[in-house]
């Protein structure tokens, strides 16, 4: 999967991969902004602005006309906001590539940001905030981030709060867009049945005159934890939902792939250790899994489970027991299996034009370089038993445990006493 890259005079980067065997083209336009770029008063403004881009332009005055332009040819268009980036994307059949690119550029550069539409969308996003608290699985995910990074941008939910969302006005949204949406802070990534020269020519014609601007900085993460922390979100539920997490590795850290492999062994798939121990052996949970997040200067490793409230203690002890087992070393055969799982999932995912476009564009925007799938596979292949044991011993330590629970509990100290190795592991075996 060879990519080509061109940088325009205004700093805009264009990355493409030609996939002539496909019948589609996917366009991802990445912008380096998100919740980490917001002040406390601006919390949620990146997400709000992303919604507003779809509410009408001079040429396509309504949201319906924007969506119909792409859906009318069988395509898909959408966008998403995260902590470190915002992405606008479309996937269409090859004959409609020019149309899809025109629509994406139109909404990003010519949105009317109508004041009436802003008021209407404000209510929609407030309902999105309300929906989060109604879903305990969503709430516990937000709560664990607040526990890991309290009082800072990385720990806030991307959509903001009712208070901040209620405060945004047209001038503030436009000011934020003008400060963060600049060509030097943008990557256009295309994959599909198209040639790089065609992509560059189209981008040059539509975005070549976009005036350069300064790139805004993000808020760095601050960590000062010295003892386990527990936070509870009280809600009467049929299940107790919990996340156990530790701060982990950045997207630039040389050990990030070792952590990703540990995560596969621990909690990805039905053959993972957590699934086998917590679900199959103990019957404590229907859903138990782990996941890893990498950010520019930090990261996290998190385990989630939904359990019967009367059995949550045993589930937490079982999870901690599995973390302790990782530190004792992993059999070579299990590592080989995890490597094959990792390589297989990666290569299967990158058969799709949108996934290829996203893979290249996100790396270029966040890291300034693109590792090909073959290069990542080579890194994974070089990982050893010692690498995985060293990383697990460095990261999975008691004083860095963070536990977030959503359920009908009130006493945090009860759970803090469970956040230790030793006695809990003895009960597992």
Protein backbone atom coordinates (compact mmCIF):
# COMPACT_ATOMS: atom_id res chain seq x y z
CA UNK A 1 0.00 0.00 0.00
CA UNK A 2 2.29 2.73 -1.29
CA UNK A 3 1.21 6.30 -0.61
CA UNK A 4 2.19 9.56 -2.28
CA UNK A 5 2.35 12.93 -0.57
CA UNK A 6 2.37 16.52 -1.84
CA UNK A 7 2.46 19.73 0.23
CA UNK A 8 0.88 22.82 -1.34
CA UNK A 9 2.45 26.28 -1.01
CA UNK A 10 -0.01 27.20 1.75
CA UNK A 11 1.05 24.20 3.86
CA UNK A 12 -1.91 21.94 3.08
CA UNK A 13 -0.81 18.29 2.85
CA UNK A 14 -2.28 15.88 0.31
CA UNK A 15 -1.82 12.13 0.75
CA UNK A 16 -3.23 9.48 -1.54
CA UNK A 17 -3.12 5.76 -2.25
CA UNK A 18 -4.16 4.42 -5.64
CA UNK A 19 -6.27 1.25 -5.33
CA UNK A 20 -7.21 0.49 -8.95
CA UNK A 21 -8.90 -2.80 -8.06
CA UNK A 22 -11.65 -0.95 -6.16
CA UNK A 23 -14.78 0.75 -7.44
CA UNK A 24 -14.89 3.42 -4.73
CA UNK A 25 -13.02 6.49 -3.58
CA UNK A 26 -12.86 7.69 0.02
CA UNK A 27 -11.90 11.21 1.04
CA UNK A 28 -10.91 12.12 4.58
CA UNK A 29 -10.13 15.74 5.45
CA UNK A 30 -8.38 15.85 8.83
CA UNK A 31 -8.05 19.04 10.86
CA UNK A 32 -5.78 19.25 13.89
CA UNK A 33 -8.32 20.40 16.42
CA UNK A 34 -10.49 18.80 19.06
CA UNK A 35 -11.26 18.95 22.76
CA UNK A 36 -7.56 19.17 23.75
CA UNK A 37 -7.37 22.51 21.94
CA UNK A 38 -10.22 24.07 23.92
CA UNK A 39 -10.17 26.24 27.02
CA UNK A 40 -12.54 25.34 29.87
CA UNK A 41 -15.06 27.90 28.60
CA UNK A 42 -14.81 26.45 25.08
CA UNK A 43 -15.40 22.82 26.13
CA UNK A 44 -17.36 21.19 23.31
CA UNK A 45 -16.95 23.95 20.73
CA UNK A 46 -14.98 21.73 18.30
CA UNK A 47 -17.84 19.23 18.30
CA UNK A 48 -20.46 21.99 18.00
CA UNK A 49 -18.64 23.52 15.02
CA UNK A 50 -18.40 20.13 13.32
CA UNK A 51 -22.20 19.78 13.54
CA UNK A 52 -22.73 23.27 12.16
CA UNK A 53 -20.67 22.67 9.02
CA UNK A 54 -23.48 20.40 7.80
CA UNK A 55 -26.27 22.96 8.30
CA UNK A 56 -26.05 24.78 4.99
CA UNK A 57 -23.84 26.70 2.56
CA UNK A 58 -24.67 29.34 -0.04
CA UNK A 59 -24.82 26.70 -2.79
CA UNK A 60 -26.52 24.06 -0.65
CA UNK A 61 -28.61 26.09 1.82
CA UNK A 62 -29.99 23.22 3.91
CA UNK A 63 -28.69 20.15 5.68
CA UNK A 64 -30.94 18.04 3.51
CA UNK A 65 -29.41 19.35 0.30
CA UNK A 66 -25.93 18.54 1.61
CA UNK A 67 -26.80 14.97 2.56
CA UNK A 68 -28.86 14.39 -0.62
CA UNK A 69 -25.94 15.46 -2.80
CA UNK A 70 -23.97 12.42 -1.59
CA UNK A 71 -26.73 9.98 -0.67
CA UNK A 72 -28.38 10.70 -4.01
CA UNK A 73 -25.49 8.91 -5.72
CA UNK A 74 -25.36 6.09 -3.18
CA UNK A 75 -22.49 7.56 -1.18
CA UNK A 76 -21.93 8.18 2.52
CA UNK A 77 -20.89 11.44 4.20
CA UNK A 78 -20.18 12.17 7.84
CA UNK A 79 -17.75 13.72 10.29
CA UNK A 80 -16.36 13.14 13.76
CA UNK A 81 -14.63 15.07 16.52
CA UNK A 82 -12.12 13.58 18.93
CA UNK A 83 -9.60 14.98 21.37
CA UNK A 84 -6.81 15.69 18.91
CA UNK A 85 -8.47 15.82 15.51
CA UNK A 86 -11.67 16.46 13.59
CA UNK A 87 -12.37 14.58 10.37
CA UNK A 88 -14.84 15.12 7.54
CA UNK A 89 -15.24 12.21 5.17
CA UNK A 90 -17.15 10.86 2.21
CA UNK A 91 -17.11 7.55 0.35
CA UNK A 92 -18.58 7.31 -3.13
CA UNK A 93 -18.40 5.24 -6.30
CA UNK A 94 -15.45 6.33 -8.45
CA UNK A 95 -17.52 8.36 -11.00
CA UNK A 96 -18.67 10.67 -8.19
CA UNK A 97 -15.24 11.50 -6.72
CA UNK A 98 -15.30 15.13 -7.90
CA UNK A 99 -18.81 15.65 -6.49
CA UNK A 100 -17.85 14.23 -3.09
CA UNK A 101 -14.77 16.41 -2.84
CA UNK A 102 -16.75 19.48 -3.88
CA UNK A 103 -19.34 18.87 -1.16
CA UNK A 104 -16.71 18.40 1.56
CA UNK A 105 -14.85 21.56 0.57
CA UNK A 106 -18.12 23.49 0.31
CA UNK A 107 -19.24 22.67 3.85
CA UNK A 108 -15.81 23.32 5.36
CA UNK A 109 -15.08 26.59 3.60
CA UNK A 110 -18.52 28.05 2.86
CA UNK A 111 -20.76 27.13 5.78
CA UNK A 112 -23.24 29.90 6.57
CA UNK A 113 -23.25 29.24 10.34
CA UNK A 114 -26.78 30.62 10.47
CA UNK A 115 -27.72 31.90 13.93
CA UNK A 116 -31.12 30.22 13.82
CA UNK A 117 -29.52 26.89 12.96
CA UNK A 118 -27.04 27.35 15.81
CA UNK A 119 -29.92 27.68 18.27
CA UNK A 120 -31.61 24.58 16.88
CA UNK A 121 -28.42 22.53 16.98
CA UNK A 122 -27.71 23.69 20.52
CA UNK A 123 -30.80 21.82 21.68
CA UNK A 124 -29.78 18.72 19.72
CA UNK A 125 -26.36 18.63 21.40
CA UNK A 126 -27.85 19.21 24.85
CA UNK A 127 -29.98 16.13 24.22
CA UNK A 128 -26.77 14.33 23.27
CA UNK A 129 -25.35 15.28 26.68
CA UNK A 130 -28.54 14.02 28.36
CA UNK A 131 -28.33 10.75 26.41
CA UNK A 132 -24.83 10.13 27.73
CA UNK A 133 -26.00 10.14 31.36
CA UNK A 134 -28.87 7.80 30.49
CA UNK A 135 -26.45 5.19 29.11
CA UNK A 136 -24.27 3.78 31.92
CA UNK A 137 -21.80 2.27 29.45
CA UNK A 138 -21.21 5.69 27.92
CA UNK A 139 -21.11 7.43 31.29
CA UNK A 140 -18.51 5.11 32.80
CA UNK A 141 -16.28 5.73 29.77
CA UNK A 142 -16.45 9.47 30.42
CA UNK A 143 -15.98 8.97 34.15
CA UNK A 144 -12.77 6.97 33.74
CA UNK A 145 -11.24 9.75 31.61
CA UNK A 146 -12.20 12.33 34.25
CA UNK A 147 -10.50 10.11 36.84
CA UNK A 148 -7.32 9.65 34.81
CA UNK A 149 -6.98 13.34 33.87
CA UNK A 150 -8.99 15.39 36.38
CA UNK A 151 -9.59 19.09 35.77
CA UNK A 152 -7.96 19.18 32.32
CA UNK A 153 -8.94 19.07 28.67
CA UNK A 154 -8.01 15.42 28.11
CA UNK A 155 -10.34 14.34 30.89
CA UNK A 156 -13.37 16.23 29.55
CA UNK A 157 -15.97 14.69 27.32
CA UNK A 158 -15.63 15.85 23.72
CA UNK A 159 -19.23 17.13 23.52
CA UNK A 160 -18.78 19.52 26.46
CA UNK A 161 -21.35 20.31 29.14
CA UNK A 162 -24.83 21.80 29.09
CA UNK A 163 -23.37 25.03 30.47
CA UNK A 164 -20.66 25.45 27.83
CA UNK A 165 -22.87 24.31 24.94
CA UNK A 166 -25.49 26.84 26.05
CA UNK A 167 -22.93 29.66 25.92
CA UNK A 168 -21.65 29.36 22.35
CA UNK A 169 -22.70 32.03 19.85
CA UNK A 170 -22.02 32.58 16.17
CA UNK A 171 -19.09 34.94 16.70
CA UNK A 172 -17.40 32.54 19.11
CA UNK A 173 -17.81 29.55 16.80
CA UNK A 174 -16.50 31.47 13.78
CA UNK A 175 -13.56 32.76 15.82
CA UNK A 176 -12.66 29.24 16.87
CA UNK A 177 -12.89 27.96 13.30
CA UNK A 178 -10.72 30.77 11.95
CA UNK A 179 -8.07 30.04 14.58
CA UNK A 180 -7.91 26.28 14.09
CA UNK A 181 -9.05 25.54 10.54
CA UNK A 182 -5.93 26.52 8.61
CA UNK A 183 -4.24 24.79 5.66
CA UNK A 184 -1.09 24.02 7.64
CA UNK A 185 -3.27 22.24 10.17
CA UNK A 186 -5.12 20.17 7.56
CA UNK A 187 -4.49 16.94 5.68
CA UNK A 188 -6.52 15.74 2.69
CA UNK A 189 -6.25 11.96 2.43
CA UNK A 190 -7.72 10.01 -0.49
CA UNK A 191 -7.75 6.30 -1.27
CA UNK A 192 -9.36 4.40 -4.12
CA UNK A 193 -9.42 4.11 -7.86
CA UNK A 194 -7.78 7.48 -8.50
CA UNK A 195 -4.29 8.76 -9.32
CA UNK A 196 -2.30 11.09 -7.07
CA UNK A 197 -1.90 13.77 -9.75
CA UNK A 198 -5.68 13.93 -10.17
CA UNK A 199 -6.13 14.38 -6.42
CA UNK A 200 -3.48 17.10 -6.17
CA UNK A 201 -4.93 19.00 -9.12
CA UNK A 202 -8.41 18.95 -7.59
CA UNK A 203 -7.14 20.08 -4.19
CA UNK A 204 -5.02 22.82 -5.73
CA UNK A 205 -7.99 24.18 -7.68
CA UNK A 206 -10.30 24.30 -4.65
CA UNK A 207 -8.01 24.88 -1.67
CA UNK A 208 -4.80 26.25 -3.16
CA UNK A 209 -5.80 29.86 -2.39
CA UNK A 210 -6.73 29.11 1.22
CA UNK A 211 -4.71 31.65 3.21
CA UNK A 212 -2.15 30.24 5.66
CA UNK A 213 -2.57 30.80 9.39
CA UNK A 214 -0.88 30.00 12.68
CA UNK A 215 -1.42 26.55 14.19
CA UNK A 216 -2.93 26.57 17.68
CA UNK A 217 -1.39 24.38 20.40
CA UNK A 218 -3.06 21.69 22.51
CA UNK A 219 -3.16 21.41 26.28
CA UNK A 220 -0.60 18.91 27.65
CA UNK A 221 -1.65 16.20 30.10
CA UNK A 222 -0.69 16.55 33.76
CA UNK A 223 -0.30 13.51 36.00
CA UNK A 224 0.36 13.58 39.77
CA UNK A 225 -1.23 10.33 40.96
CA UNK A 226 0.55 8.47 43.78
CA UNK A 227 -2.21 6.13 45.03
CA UNK A 228 -5.21 4.23 43.59
CA UNK A 229 -8.29 6.34 42.84
CA UNK A 230 -11.96 5.36 42.67
CA UNK A 231 -14.90 7.44 41.43
CA UNK A 232 -18.54 6.44 41.49
CA UNK A 233 -21.38 7.74 39.34
CA UNK A 234 -24.55 6.84 41.20
CA UNK A 235 -27.32 5.44 39.03
CA UNK A 236 -29.86 2.73 39.71
CA UNK A 237 -29.12 0.12 37.08
CA UNK A 238 -29.60 -3.59 36.52
CA UNK A 239 -25.86 -3.95 35.95
CA UNK A 240 -22.87 -2.28 37.54
CA UNK A 241 -20.51 -0.93 34.89
CA UNK A 242 -16.87 -0.37 35.69
CA UNK A 243 -13.62 0.64 34.02
CA UNK A 244 -10.22 -0.07 35.53
CA UNK A 245 -7.48 1.96 33.86
CA UNK A 246 -3.86 3.03 34.12
CA UNK A 247 -2.12 5.93 32.35
CA UNK A 248 -0.11 4.53 29.48
CA UNK A 249 1.91 5.37 26.37
CA UNK A 250 1.75 8.12 23.78
CA UNK A 251 1.34 7.63 20.05
CA UNK A 252 5.07 8.36 19.66
CA UNK A 253 6.34 6.06 22.41
CA UNK A 254 8.59 3.23 21.13
CA UNK A 255 6.77 0.69 23.34
CA UNK A 256 3.27 1.51 22.06
CA UNK A 257 3.12 -1.61 19.89
CA UNK A 258 4.17 -3.80 22.80
CA UNK A 259 1.27 -2.36 24.80
CA UNK A 260 -1.10 -2.95 21.88
CA UNK A 261 -0.02 -6.60 21.80
CA UNK A 262 -0.51 -6.91 25.55
CA UNK A 263 -4.00 -5.53 25.06
CA UNK A 264 -4.79 -8.24 22.50
CA UNK A 265 -3.68 -10.93 24.95
CA UNK A 266 -5.56 -9.35 27.81
CA UNK A 267 -8.93 -8.38 26.38
CA UNK A 268 -9.47 -8.44 22.61
CA UNK A 269 -11.61 -11.23 21.25
CA UNK A 270 -13.26 -14.29 22.71
CA UNK A 271 -9.97 -16.12 23.22
CA UNK A 272 -8.47 -13.31 25.33
CA UNK A 273 -7.56 -13.87 28.96
CA UNK A 274 -10.26 -11.60 30.35
CA UNK A 275 -13.00 -13.16 28.26
CA UNK A 276 -11.95 -16.66 29.21
CA UNK A 277 -11.52 -15.93 32.93
CA UNK A 278 -14.28 -13.42 33.68
CA UNK A 279 -16.97 -14.63 31.28
CA UNK A 280 -16.31 -18.27 30.39
CA UNK A 281 -14.83 -19.53 33.67
CA UNK A 282 -16.51 -17.31 36.28
CA UNK A 283 -19.69 -16.28 34.41
CA UNK A 284 -19.42 -12.78 35.89
CA UNK A 285 -20.02 -10.69 32.76
CA UNK A 286 -21.53 -10.82 29.30
CA UNK A 287 -19.23 -8.06 28.01
CA UNK A 288 -15.66 -7.75 29.28
CA UNK A 289 -12.87 -6.34 27.15
CA UNK A 290 -9.85 -4.05 27.18
CA UNK A 291 -8.71 -1.22 24.95
CA UNK A 292 -5.75 1.13 24.57
CA UNK A 293 -5.73 4.85 23.71
CA UNK A 294 -2.65 6.68 22.45
CA UNK A 295 -2.45 10.48 22.50
CA UNK A 296 0.34 12.88 21.55
CA UNK A 297 1.91 12.98 25.02
CA UNK A 298 0.23 10.21 27.02
CA UNK A 299 -2.25 7.37 26.74
CA UNK A 300 -4.32 4.89 28.71
CA UNK A 301 -4.98 1.16 29.03
CA UNK A 302 -8.54 0.38 30.12
CA UNK A 303 -10.61 -2.66 31.03
CA UNK A 304 -14.42 -2.54 30.92
CA UNK A 305 -17.01 -4.95 32.30
CA UNK A 306 -20.73 -4.91 33.03
CA UNK A 307 -21.65 -7.19 35.94
CA UNK A 308 -24.31 -8.06 38.52
CA UNK A 309 -23.94 -5.42 41.28
CA UNK A 310 -23.73 -8.15 43.93
CA UNK A 311 -20.74 -9.73 42.16
CA UNK A 312 -18.71 -6.65 41.27
CA UNK A 313 -16.07 -7.28 43.95
CA UNK A 314 -15.21 -10.65 42.46
CA UNK A 315 -15.09 -9.20 38.96
CA UNK A 316 -12.67 -6.43 40.00
CA UNK A 317 -10.49 -8.95 41.83
CA UNK A 318 -10.51 -11.22 38.79
CA UNK A 319 -9.46 -8.37 36.48
CA UNK A 320 -6.61 -7.35 38.77
CA UNK A 321 -5.54 -10.98 38.96
CA UNK A 322 -5.24 -11.10 35.17
CA UNK A 323 -3.10 -7.94 35.21
CA UNK A 324 -0.79 -9.60 37.72
CA UNK A 325 -0.53 -12.71 35.58
CA UNK A 326 0.71 -10.58 32.67
CA UNK A 327 3.63 -9.40 34.79
CA UNK A 328 4.75 -12.99 35.40
CA UNK A 329 5.51 -13.51 31.72
CA UNK A 330 3.57 -14.76 28.72
CA UNK A 331 4.13 -18.11 26.96
CA UNK A 332 5.72 -17.79 23.53
CA UNK A 333 2.82 -19.57 21.85
CA UNK A 334 0.33 -17.06 23.24
CA UNK A 335 2.45 -14.20 21.91
CA UNK A 336 2.59 -15.81 18.46
CA UNK A 337 -1.20 -16.12 18.48
CA UNK A 338 -1.58 -12.45 19.48
CA UNK A 339 0.79 -11.36 16.72
CA UNK A 340 -1.21 -13.25 14.12
CA UNK A 341 -4.44 -11.74 15.49
CA UNK A 342 -2.94 -8.24 15.26
CA UNK A 343 -1.61 -8.68 11.74
CA UNK A 344 -4.80 -10.29 10.49
CA UNK A 345 -7.11 -7.61 11.88
CA UNK A 346 -4.88 -4.86 10.49
CA UNK A 347 -4.69 -6.29 6.99
CA UNK A 348 -8.40 -7.13 6.84
CA UNK A 349 -9.30 -3.61 7.91
CA UNK A 350 -7.17 -2.05 5.22
CA UNK A 351 -9.01 -3.70 2.35
CA UNK A 352 -11.52 -0.83 2.53
CA UNK A 353 -10.78 2.52 0.87
CA UNK A 354 -12.08 4.53 3.78
CA UNK A 355 -9.87 2.66 6.26
CA UNK A 356 -6.81 3.20 4.07
CA UNK A 357 -7.59 6.89 3.71
CA UNK A 358 -8.08 7.22 7.46
CA UNK A 359 -4.91 5.25 8.26
CA UNK A 360 -2.72 7.57 6.21
CA UNK A 361 -4.41 10.87 7.00
CA UNK A 362 -4.50 10.46 10.77
CA UNK A 363 -0.83 9.49 10.96
CA UNK A 364 0.23 12.37 8.74
CA UNK A 365 -1.75 14.89 10.76
CA UNK A 366 -0.81 13.71 14.25
CA UNK A 367 2.71 12.34 13.76
CA UNK A 368 3.98 13.98 10.59
CA UNK A 369 4.94 10.57 9.20
CA UNK A 370 3.14 7.51 7.87
CA UNK A 371 4.04 3.95 8.75
CA UNK A 372 2.81 1.49 6.15
CA UNK A 373 1.01 -1.68 7.29
CA UNK A 374 4.11 -3.71 6.36
CA UNK A 375 6.29 -1.51 8.56
CA UNK A 376 3.89 -1.94 11.50
CA UNK A 377 3.79 -5.70 10.96
CA UNK A 378 7.60 -5.76 11.04
CA UNK A 379 7.61 -3.90 14.37
CA UNK A 380 5.06 -6.33 15.82
CA UNK A 381 7.08 -9.33 14.63
CA UNK A 382 10.18 -8.07 16.47
CA UNK A 383 8.43 -7.89 19.86
CA UNK A 384 9.69 -10.40 22.43
CA UNK A 385 8.53 -11.98 25.67
CA UNK A 386 10.90 -9.65 27.53
CA UNK A 387 9.42 -6.56 25.82
CA UNK A 388 5.90 -7.46 26.91
CA UNK A 389 6.90 -8.36 30.45
CA UNK A 390 8.88 -5.13 30.87
CA UNK A 391 6.00 -2.95 29.65
CA UNK A 392 3.43 -4.75 31.82
CA UNK A 393 5.61 -4.36 34.90
CA UNK A 394 6.15 -0.66 34.20
CA UNK A 395 2.50 0.20 33.57
CA UNK A 396 0.33 -2.11 35.68
CA UNK A 397 1.25 -0.87 39.14
CA UNK A 398 -1.14 -0.41 42.05
CA UNK A 399 -0.47 3.26 42.67
CA UNK A 400 -1.56 4.05 39.10
CA UNK A 401 -4.88 2.16 39.24
CA UNK A 402 -7.98 4.21 38.42
CA UNK A 403 -11.44 2.73 38.91
CA UNK A 404 -14.70 4.29 37.66
CA UNK A 405 -18.05 2.71 38.49
CA UNK A 406 -21.59 3.54 37.43
CA UNK A 407 -24.21 1.82 39.57
CA UNK A 408 -26.15 2.07 42.81
CA UNK A 409 -23.11 2.38 45.09
CA UNK A 410 -22.05 5.21 47.39
CA UNK A 411 -18.96 4.08 49.34
CA UNK A 412 -15.72 4.55 47.41
CA UNK A 413 -13.49 3.17 50.16
CA UNK A 414 -15.06 -0.27 49.75
CA UNK A 415 -13.68 -0.46 46.23
CA UNK A 416 -10.37 1.29 46.90
CA UNK A 417 -9.44 -1.58 49.18
CA UNK A 418 -9.72 -3.96 46.21
CA UNK A 419 -7.19 -2.05 44.09
CA UNK A 420 -4.13 -4.06 45.03
CA UNK A 421 -2.26 -7.14 43.90
CA UNK A 422 -1.64 -10.25 45.98
CA UNK A 423 -4.64 -11.43 47.94
CA UNK A 424 -7.04 -10.88 45.03
CA UNK A 425 -4.85 -12.98 42.74
CA UNK A 426 -4.71 -15.80 45.24
CA UNK A 427 -8.48 -16.02 45.16
CA UNK A 428 -8.47 -16.27 41.35
CA UNK A 429 -6.38 -19.38 41.19
